[in-house]
């Protein structure tokens, strides 16, 4: 039997002194997976019989014009829309000069309210990424042509 001055063997004080090896838990089993919070279980038990009535009452209030009830229903059953299709006819980007036209088109669409500023920013970043890919492709193509020309000249000069 322990006295009040001596803490039990598995108390927090002994754990605070570092009695457990590094990487090992003082509670290896931990909280079981799927264990439910006691307050949640208590709330569910209280509402169990009247939950359907409450839902019907909130629905009735929403249909009668109570906007808070309508908001409550919509927030619970309709997830917030994260993205939507952006309907805009961007000009084709085939060369670097076209990038400026595309960005100008995006800026004008934001200014007219056809798309939101965040949508405009997203589109501008996409155009920028595309232009970088186009630039890399064109650079690679030019480099390949230069190497081929250099090899052809070397072969031609070697024949002489």
C-alpha atoms as a PDB file:
ATOM      1  CA  UNK A   1       0.000   0.000   0.000  1.00  0.00           C
ATOM      2  CA  UNK A   2       1.298   3.458  -0.862  1.00  0.00           C
ATOM      3  CA  UNK A   3       1.221   6.563   1.246  1.00  0.00           C
ATOM      4  CA  UNK A   4       0.296  10.006   0.017  1.00  0.00           C
ATOM      5  CA  UNK A   5       3.923  11.124   0.012  1.00  0.00           C
ATOM      6  CA  UNK A   6       4.987   8.279  -2.277  1.00  0.00           C
ATOM      7  CA  UNK A   7       3.493   8.338  -5.770  1.00  0.00           C
ATOM      8  CA  UNK A   8       2.359   5.027  -7.279  1.00  0.00           C
ATOM      9  CA  UNK A   9       4.802   3.320  -9.615  1.00  0.00           C
ATOM     10  CA  UNK A  10       3.045   4.316 -12.872  1.00  0.00           C
ATOM     11  CA  UNK A  11       2.302   7.917 -11.934  1.00  0.00           C
ATOM     12  CA  UNK A  12       2.959  10.908 -14.107  1.00  0.00           C
ATOM     13  CA  UNK A  13       5.848  11.940 -11.863  1.00  0.00           C
ATOM     14  CA  UNK A  14       7.829   8.832 -12.672  1.00  0.00           C
ATOM     15  CA  UNK A  15       7.005   9.234 -16.333  1.00  0.00           C
ATOM     16  CA  UNK A  16       8.178  12.840 -16.240  1.00  0.00           C
ATOM     17  CA  UNK A  17      11.582  11.656 -14.993  1.00  0.00           C
ATOM     18  CA  UNK A  18      11.995   9.666 -18.194  1.00  0.00           C
ATOM     19  CA  UNK A  19      11.499   6.111 -16.982  1.00  0.00           C
ATOM     20  CA  UNK A  20      10.272   5.007 -20.416  1.00  0.00           C
ATOM     21  CA  UNK A  21      12.761   4.203 -23.137  1.00  0.00           C
ATOM     22  CA  UNK A  22      12.904   6.604 -26.043  1.00  0.00           C
ATOM     23  CA  UNK A  23      10.417   5.584 -28.731  1.00  0.00           C
ATOM     24  CA  UNK A  24       8.199   3.613 -26.351  1.00  0.00           C
ATOM     25  CA  UNK A  25       4.920   4.975 -25.056  1.00  0.00           C
ATOM     26  CA  UNK A  26       3.750   4.879 -21.471  1.00  0.00           C
ATOM     27  CA  UNK A  27       0.386   3.842 -22.896  1.00  0.00           C
ATOM     28  CA  UNK A  28       1.211   1.521 -25.800  1.00  0.00           C
ATOM     29  CA  UNK A  29      -2.395   0.602 -26.505  1.00  0.00           C
ATOM     30  CA  UNK A  30      -3.549   4.209 -26.527  1.00  0.00           C
ATOM     31  CA  UNK A  31      -7.109   5.176 -27.310  1.00  0.00           C
ATOM     32  CA  UNK A  32      -8.743   2.406 -29.353  1.00  0.00           C
ATOM     33  CA  UNK A  33      -9.569   3.219 -32.960  1.00  0.00           C
ATOM     34  CA  UNK A  34     -13.192   4.131 -33.399  1.00  0.00           C
ATOM     35  CA  UNK A  35     -13.635   5.059 -29.715  1.00  0.00           C
ATOM     36  CA  UNK A  36     -16.240   7.802 -29.442  1.00  0.00           C
ATOM     37  CA  UNK A  37     -16.121  10.898 -27.275  1.00  0.00           C
ATOM     38  CA  UNK A  38     -18.250  10.546 -24.131  1.00  0.00           C
ATOM     39  CA  UNK A  39     -19.904  13.943 -24.575  1.00  0.00           C
ATOM     40  CA  UNK A  40     -20.835  13.082 -28.171  1.00  0.00           C
ATOM     41  CA  UNK A  41     -22.376   9.815 -27.032  1.00  0.00           C
ATOM     42  CA  UNK A  42     -24.323  11.627 -24.289  1.00  0.00           C
ATOM     43  CA  UNK A  43     -25.631  14.235 -26.754  1.00  0.00           C
ATOM     44  CA  UNK A  44     -26.696  11.517 -29.180  1.00  0.00           C
ATOM     45  CA  UNK A  45     -28.500   9.677 -26.398  1.00  0.00           C
ATOM     46  CA  UNK A  46     -30.420  12.848 -25.471  1.00  0.00           C
ATOM     47  CA  UNK A  47     -31.417  13.565 -29.065  1.00  0.00           C
ATOM     48  CA  UNK A  48     -32.121   9.985 -30.100  1.00  0.00           C
ATOM     49  CA  UNK A  49     -35.894  10.163 -29.751  1.00  0.00           C
ATOM     50  CA  UNK A  50     -36.400  13.743 -30.883  1.00  0.00           C
ATOM     51  CA  UNK A  51     -33.827  14.132 -33.678  1.00  0.00           C
ATOM     52  CA  UNK A  52     -36.339  13.406 -36.440  1.00  0.00           C
ATOM     53  CA  UNK A  53     -38.816  15.922 -34.989  1.00  0.00           C
ATOM     54  CA  UNK A  54     -36.100  18.584 -34.752  1.00  0.00           C
ATOM     55  CA  UNK A  55     -35.057  18.020 -38.362  1.00  0.00           C
ATOM     56  CA  UNK A  56     -38.665  18.287 -39.552  1.00  0.00           C
ATOM     57  CA  UNK A  57     -39.156  21.505 -37.559  1.00  0.00           C
ATOM     58  CA  UNK A  58     -35.987  23.069 -39.028  1.00  0.00           C
ATOM     59  CA  UNK A  59     -37.136  22.039 -42.514  1.00  0.00           C
ATOM     60  CA  UNK A  60     -40.578  23.528 -41.882  1.00  0.00           C
ATOM     61  CA  UNK A  61     -39.038  26.799 -40.653  1.00  0.00           C
ATOM     62  CA  UNK A  62     -36.791  26.982 -43.711  1.00  0.00           C
ATOM     63  CA  UNK A  63     -39.763  26.474 -46.025  1.00  0.00           C
ATOM     64  CA  UNK A  64     -41.632  29.235 -44.159  1.00  0.00           C
ATOM     65  CA  UNK A  65     -38.854  31.720 -44.920  1.00  0.00           C
ATOM     66  CA  UNK A  66     -36.563  31.418 -41.892  1.00  0.00           C
ATOM     67  CA  UNK A  67     -33.217  32.082 -43.558  1.00  0.00           C
ATOM     68  CA  UNK A  68     -31.170  30.847 -40.600  1.00  0.00           C
ATOM     69  CA  UNK A  69     -32.916  27.479 -40.772  1.00  0.00           C
ATOM     70  CA  UNK A  70     -32.376  27.376 -44.540  1.00  0.00           C
ATOM     71  CA  UNK A  71     -28.703  28.239 -44.079  1.00  0.00           C
ATOM     72  CA  UNK A  72     -28.348  25.496 -41.473  1.00  0.00           C
ATOM     73  CA  UNK A  73     -29.809  22.903 -43.823  1.00  0.00           C
ATOM     74  CA  UNK A  74     -27.766  24.027 -46.814  1.00  0.00           C
ATOM     75  CA  UNK A  75     -24.507  24.103 -44.845  1.00  0.00           C
ATOM     76  CA  UNK A  76     -25.068  20.566 -43.595  1.00  0.00           C
ATOM     77  CA  UNK A  77     -26.160  18.939 -46.837  1.00  0.00           C
ATOM     78  CA  UNK A  78     -24.464  20.896 -49.625  1.00  0.00           C
ATOM     79  CA  UNK A  79     -20.671  20.995 -49.502  1.00  0.00           C
ATOM     80  CA  UNK A  80     -19.102  24.363 -50.254  1.00  0.00           C
ATOM     81  CA  UNK A  81     -18.221  24.689 -53.904  1.00  0.00           C
ATOM     82  CA  UNK A  82     -14.468  24.866 -54.240  1.00  0.00           C
ATOM     83  CA  UNK A  83     -14.018  25.258 -57.978  1.00  0.00           C
ATOM     84  CA  UNK A  84     -16.142  25.864 -60.978  1.00  0.00           C
ATOM     85  CA  UNK A  85     -15.461  25.723 -64.670  1.00  0.00           C
ATOM     86  CA  UNK A  86     -14.196  29.054 -65.918  1.00  0.00           C
ATOM     87  CA  UNK A  87     -16.014  29.868 -69.122  1.00  0.00           C
ATOM     88  CA  UNK A  88     -13.715  32.160 -71.061  1.00  0.00           C
ATOM     89  CA  UNK A  89     -12.465  32.023 -74.643  1.00  0.00           C
ATOM     90  CA  UNK A  90      -8.733  32.545 -74.290  1.00  0.00           C
ATOM     91  CA  UNK A  91      -6.864  33.194 -77.508  1.00  0.00           C
ATOM     92  CA  UNK A  92      -4.659  30.353 -78.722  1.00  0.00           C
ATOM     93  CA  UNK A  93      -1.055  30.452 -77.501  1.00  0.00           C
ATOM     94  CA  UNK A  94       1.270  29.188 -80.213  1.00  0.00           C
ATOM     95  CA  UNK A  95       4.176  31.601 -79.833  1.00  0.00           C
ATOM     96  CA  UNK A  96       5.501  34.018 -77.234  1.00  0.00           C
ATOM     97  CA  UNK A  97       3.659  36.991 -78.697  1.00  0.00           C
ATOM     98  CA  UNK A  98       0.374  35.199 -77.981  1.00  0.00           C
ATOM     99  CA  UNK A  99       1.128  35.068 -74.234  1.00  0.00           C
ATOM    100  CA  UNK A 100       0.716  38.834 -73.935  1.00  0.00           C
ATOM    101  CA  UNK A 101      -2.642  38.662 -75.736  1.00  0.00           C
ATOM    102  CA  UNK A 102      -3.848  35.882 -73.417  1.00  0.00           C
ATOM    103  CA  UNK A 103      -2.836  37.739 -70.250  1.00  0.00           C
ATOM    104  CA  UNK A 104      -4.458  40.922 -71.579  1.00  0.00           C
ATOM    105  CA  UNK A 105      -7.649  38.992 -72.274  1.00  0.00           C
ATOM    106  CA  UNK A 106      -7.645  37.637 -68.707  1.00  0.00           C
ATOM    107  CA  UNK A 107      -7.106  41.103 -67.219  1.00  0.00           C
ATOM    108  CA  UNK A 108      -9.975  42.510 -69.294  1.00  0.00           C
ATOM    109  CA  UNK A 109     -12.273  39.649 -68.240  1.00  0.00           C
ATOM    110  CA  UNK A 110     -11.529  40.374 -64.569  1.00  0.00           C
ATOM    111  CA  UNK A 111     -12.125  44.086 -65.153  1.00  0.00           C
ATOM    112  CA  UNK A 112     -15.505  43.424 -66.775  1.00  0.00           C
ATOM    113  CA  UNK A 113     -16.548  41.063 -63.968  1.00  0.00           C
ATOM    114  CA  UNK A 114     -16.756  38.035 -66.263  1.00  0.00           C
ATOM    115  CA  UNK A 115     -14.403  36.121 -63.944  1.00  0.00           C
ATOM    116  CA  UNK A 116     -13.303  36.709 -60.355  1.00  0.00           C
ATOM    117  CA  UNK A 117      -9.849  38.085 -59.542  1.00  0.00           C
ATOM    118  CA  UNK A 118      -8.815  34.739 -58.035  1.00  0.00           C
ATOM    119  CA  UNK A 119      -9.918  32.952 -61.210  1.00  0.00           C
ATOM    120  CA  UNK A 120      -7.958  35.486 -63.239  1.00  0.00           C
ATOM    121  CA  UNK A 121      -4.883  34.874 -61.121  1.00  0.00           C
ATOM    122  CA  UNK A 122      -5.245  31.120 -61.596  1.00  0.00           C
ATOM    123  CA  UNK A 123      -5.597  31.495 -65.363  1.00  0.00           C
ATOM    124  CA  UNK A 124      -2.604  33.851 -65.518  1.00  0.00           C
ATOM    125  CA  UNK A 125      -0.471  31.298 -63.663  1.00  0.00           C
ATOM    126  CA  UNK A 126      -1.607  28.606 -66.089  1.00  0.00           C
ATOM    127  CA  UNK A 127      -0.677  30.818 -69.044  1.00  0.00           C
ATOM    128  CA  UNK A 128       2.702  31.489 -67.425  1.00  0.00           C
ATOM    129  CA  UNK A 129       3.330  27.754 -66.952  1.00  0.00           C
ATOM    130  CA  UNK A 130       2.336  27.079 -70.533  1.00  0.00           C
ATOM    131  CA  UNK A 131       4.612  29.836 -71.807  1.00  0.00           C
ATOM    132  CA  UNK A 132       7.545  28.400 -69.832  1.00  0.00           C
ATOM    133  CA  UNK A 133       6.892  24.975 -71.340  1.00  0.00           C
ATOM    134  CA  UNK A 134       6.648  26.562 -74.796  1.00  0.00           C
ATOM    135  CA  UNK A 135       9.904  28.425 -74.196  1.00  0.00           C
ATOM    136  CA  UNK A 136      11.683  25.235 -73.105  1.00  0.00           C
ATOM    137  CA  UNK A 137      10.367  23.363 -76.137  1.00  0.00           C
ATOM    138  CA  UNK A 138      11.435  26.108 -78.536  1.00  0.00           C
ATOM    139  CA  UNK A 139      14.850  26.381 -76.886  1.00  0.00           C
ATOM    140  CA  UNK A 140      15.361  22.615 -77.173  1.00  0.00           C
ATOM    141  CA  UNK A 141      14.278  22.724 -80.806  1.00  0.00           C
ATOM    142  CA  UNK A 142      16.688  25.579 -81.637  1.00  0.00           C
ATOM    143  CA  UNK A 143      19.529  23.834 -79.810  1.00  0.00           C
ATOM    144  CA  UNK A 144      18.876  20.620 -81.719  1.00  0.00           C
ATOM    145  CA  UNK A 145      18.940  22.517 -85.049  1.00  0.00           C
ATOM    146  CA  UNK A 146      22.210  24.242 -84.117  1.00  0.00           C
ATOM    147  CA  UNK A 147      23.804  20.925 -83.161  1.00  0.00           C
ATOM    148  CA  UNK A 148      22.660  19.339 -86.429  1.00  0.00           C
ATOM    149  CA  UNK A 149      24.044  22.282 -88.438  1.00  0.00           C
ATOM    150  CA  UNK A 150      27.336  22.082 -86.562  1.00  0.00           C
ATOM    151  CA  UNK A 151      27.573  18.324 -87.185  1.00  0.00           C
ATOM    152  CA  UNK A 152      26.778  18.823 -90.890  1.00  0.00           C
ATOM    153  CA  UNK A 153      29.488  21.496 -91.200  1.00  0.00           C
ATOM    154  CA  UNK A 154      31.990  19.268 -89.435  1.00  0.00           C
ATOM    155  CA  UNK A 155      31.215  16.387 -91.788  1.00  0.00           C
ATOM    156  CA  UNK A 156      31.381  18.692 -94.829  1.00  0.00           C
ATOM    157  CA  UNK A 157      34.731  20.170 -93.758  1.00  0.00           C
ATOM    158  CA  UNK A 158      36.120  16.701 -93.027  1.00  0.00           C
ATOM    159  CA  UNK A 159      35.396  15.655 -96.631  1.00  0.00           C
ATOM    160  CA  UNK A 160      37.442  18.532 -98.033  1.00  0.00           C
END
